[in-house]
Amino acid sequence: MLDAAIALAERIGENSPIAVRMSRTLVREVGDLTEEQAWARNAELAVEVFSSGDAIEGATAFAEKRAPVWLSR
């Protein structure tokens, strides 16, 4: 089980740091929100992710068939 957890953590770690951070934020907050509020909060956080340089880098890296070099930390 530990090996599976480490593999999952490594896979998550390959993603944009800002995307991971915003996902964690949503998971922490969603328990206190209604479904409507949770969707609204998701949209707010998504704006931050999609307006970041990482969004452009991710799409560019995908198009160029290479690993992304994330800009956020």
C-alpha atoms as a PDB file:
ATOM      1  CA  MET A   1       0.000   0.000   0.000  1.00  0.00           C
ATOM      2  CA  LEU A   2       2.859   2.381   0.746  1.00  0.00           C
ATOM      3  CA  ASP A   3       4.246   1.855  -2.751  1.00  0.00           C
ATOM      4  CA  ALA A   4       0.858   2.754  -4.240  1.00  0.00           C
ATOM      5  CA  ALA A   5       0.654   5.899  -2.089  1.00  0.00           C
ATOM      6  CA  ILE A   6       4.139   6.972  -3.142  1.00  0.00           C
ATOM      7  CA  ALA A   7       3.325   6.334  -6.812  1.00  0.00           C
ATOM      8  CA  LEU A   8       0.155   8.424  -6.510  1.00  0.00           C
ATOM      9  CA  ALA A   9       2.037  11.255  -4.771  1.00  0.00           C
ATOM     10  CA  GLU A  10       4.657  11.238  -7.520  1.00  0.00           C
ATOM     11  CA  ARG A  11       1.939  11.350 -10.181  1.00  0.00           C
ATOM     12  CA  ILE A  12       0.237  14.281  -8.450  1.00  0.00           C
ATOM     13  CA  GLY A  13       3.608  15.998  -8.118  1.00  0.00           C
ATOM     14  CA  GLU A  14       4.027  15.986 -11.901  1.00  0.00           C
ATOM     15  CA  ASN A  15       1.121  18.432 -12.237  1.00  0.00           C
ATOM     16  CA  SER A  16       1.232  22.204 -12.100  1.00  0.00           C
ATOM     17  CA  PRO A  17       1.916  23.345  -8.537  1.00  0.00           C
ATOM     18  CA  ILE A  18      -0.793  26.013  -8.728  1.00  0.00           C
ATOM     19  CA  ALA A  19      -3.340  23.441  -9.948  1.00  0.00           C
ATOM     20  CA  VAL A  20      -2.451  21.080  -7.107  1.00  0.00           C
ATOM     21  CA  ARG A  21      -2.615  23.942  -4.590  1.00  0.00           C
ATOM     22  CA  MET A  22      -6.045  25.089  -5.814  1.00  0.00           C
ATOM     23  CA  SER A  23      -7.332  21.494  -5.795  1.00  0.00           C
ATOM     24  CA  ARG A  24      -6.214  21.075  -2.194  1.00  0.00           C
ATOM     25  CA  THR A  25      -7.871  24.378  -1.297  1.00  0.00           C
ATOM     26  CA  LEU A  26     -11.166  23.231  -2.777  1.00  0.00           C
ATOM     27  CA  VAL A  27     -11.024  19.862  -0.998  1.00  0.00           C
ATOM     28  CA  ARG A  28     -10.417  21.608   2.345  1.00  0.00           C
ATOM     29  CA  GLU A  29     -13.260  24.093   1.840  1.00  0.00           C
ATOM     30  CA  VAL A  30     -15.949  22.009   0.133  1.00  0.00           C
ATOM     31  CA  GLY A  31     -17.164  20.286   3.303  1.00  0.00           C
ATOM     32  CA  ASP A  32     -18.516  23.572   4.630  1.00  0.00           C
ATOM     33  CA  LEU A  33     -20.252  24.599   1.395  1.00  0.00           C
ATOM     34  CA  THR A  34     -23.525  23.800  -0.301  1.00  0.00           C
ATOM     35  CA  GLU A  35     -23.268  22.159  -3.710  1.00  0.00           C
ATOM     36  CA  GLU A  36     -24.028  25.487  -5.394  1.00  0.00           C
ATOM     37  CA  GLN A  37     -21.375  27.266  -3.331  1.00  0.00           C
ATOM     38  CA  ALA A  38     -18.853  24.499  -4.050  1.00  0.00           C
ATOM     39  CA  TRP A  39     -19.350  24.865  -7.815  1.00  0.00           C
ATOM     40  CA  ALA A  40     -18.981  28.645  -7.513  1.00  0.00           C
ATOM     41  CA  ARG A  41     -15.777  28.251  -5.479  1.00  0.00           C
ATOM     42  CA  ASN A  42     -14.476  25.741  -8.027  1.00  0.00           C
ATOM     43  CA  ALA A  43     -15.031  28.309 -10.777  1.00  0.00           C
ATOM     44  CA  GLU A  44     -13.174  30.982  -8.770  1.00  0.00           C
ATOM     45  CA  LEU A  45     -10.180  28.726  -8.224  1.00  0.00           C
ATOM     46  CA  ALA A  46     -10.200  27.575 -11.849  1.00  0.00           C
ATOM     47  CA  VAL A  47      -9.824  31.190 -12.988  1.00  0.00           C
ATOM     48  CA  GLU A  48      -6.598  31.397 -10.981  1.00  0.00           C
ATOM     49  CA  VAL A  49      -5.284  28.198 -12.545  1.00  0.00           C
ATOM     50  CA  PHE A  50      -6.282  28.988 -16.128  1.00  0.00           C
ATOM     51  CA  SER A  51      -4.946  32.543 -15.961  1.00  0.00           C
ATOM     52  CA  SER A  52      -1.537  31.337 -14.806  1.00  0.00           C
ATOM     53  CA  GLY A  53       1.518  30.855 -16.950  1.00  0.00           C
ATOM     54  CA  ASP A  54       1.287  27.171 -16.127  1.00  0.00           C
ATOM     55  CA  ALA A  55      -1.934  26.882 -18.150  1.00  0.00           C
ATOM     56  CA  ILE A  56      -0.123  28.125 -21.241  1.00  0.00           C
ATOM     57  CA  GLU A  57       2.917  25.969 -20.516  1.00  0.00           C
ATOM     58  CA  GLY A  58       0.761  22.870 -20.042  1.00  0.00           C
ATOM     59  CA  ALA A  59      -1.049  23.329 -23.346  1.00  0.00           C
ATOM     60  CA  THR A  60       2.183  24.172 -25.170  1.00  0.00           C
ATOM     61  CA  ALA A  61       4.013  21.169 -23.731  1.00  0.00           C
ATOM     62  CA  PHE A  62       1.116  18.893 -24.686  1.00  0.00           C
ATOM     63  CA  ALA A  63       1.092  20.233 -28.252  1.00  0.00           C
ATOM     64  CA  GLU A  64       4.863  19.842 -28.490  1.00  0.00           C
ATOM     65  CA  LYS A  65       4.702  16.342 -26.951  1.00  0.00           C
ATOM     66  CA  ARG A  66       7.119  17.159 -24.161  1.00  0.00           C
ATOM     67  CA  ALA A  67       7.039  17.335 -20.388  1.00  0.00           C
ATOM     68  CA  PRO A  68       5.938  20.722 -19.058  1.00  0.00           C
ATOM     69  CA  VAL A  69       8.291  23.016 -17.189  1.00  0.00           C
ATOM     70  CA  TRP A  70       6.013  24.567 -14.584  1.00  0.00           C
ATOM     71  CA  LEU A  71       6.449  28.253 -13.842  1.00  0.00           C
ATOM     72  CA  SER A  72       4.699  28.381 -10.467  1.00  0.00           C
ATOM     73  CA  ARG A  73       6.176  26.977  -7.305  1.00  0.00           C
END
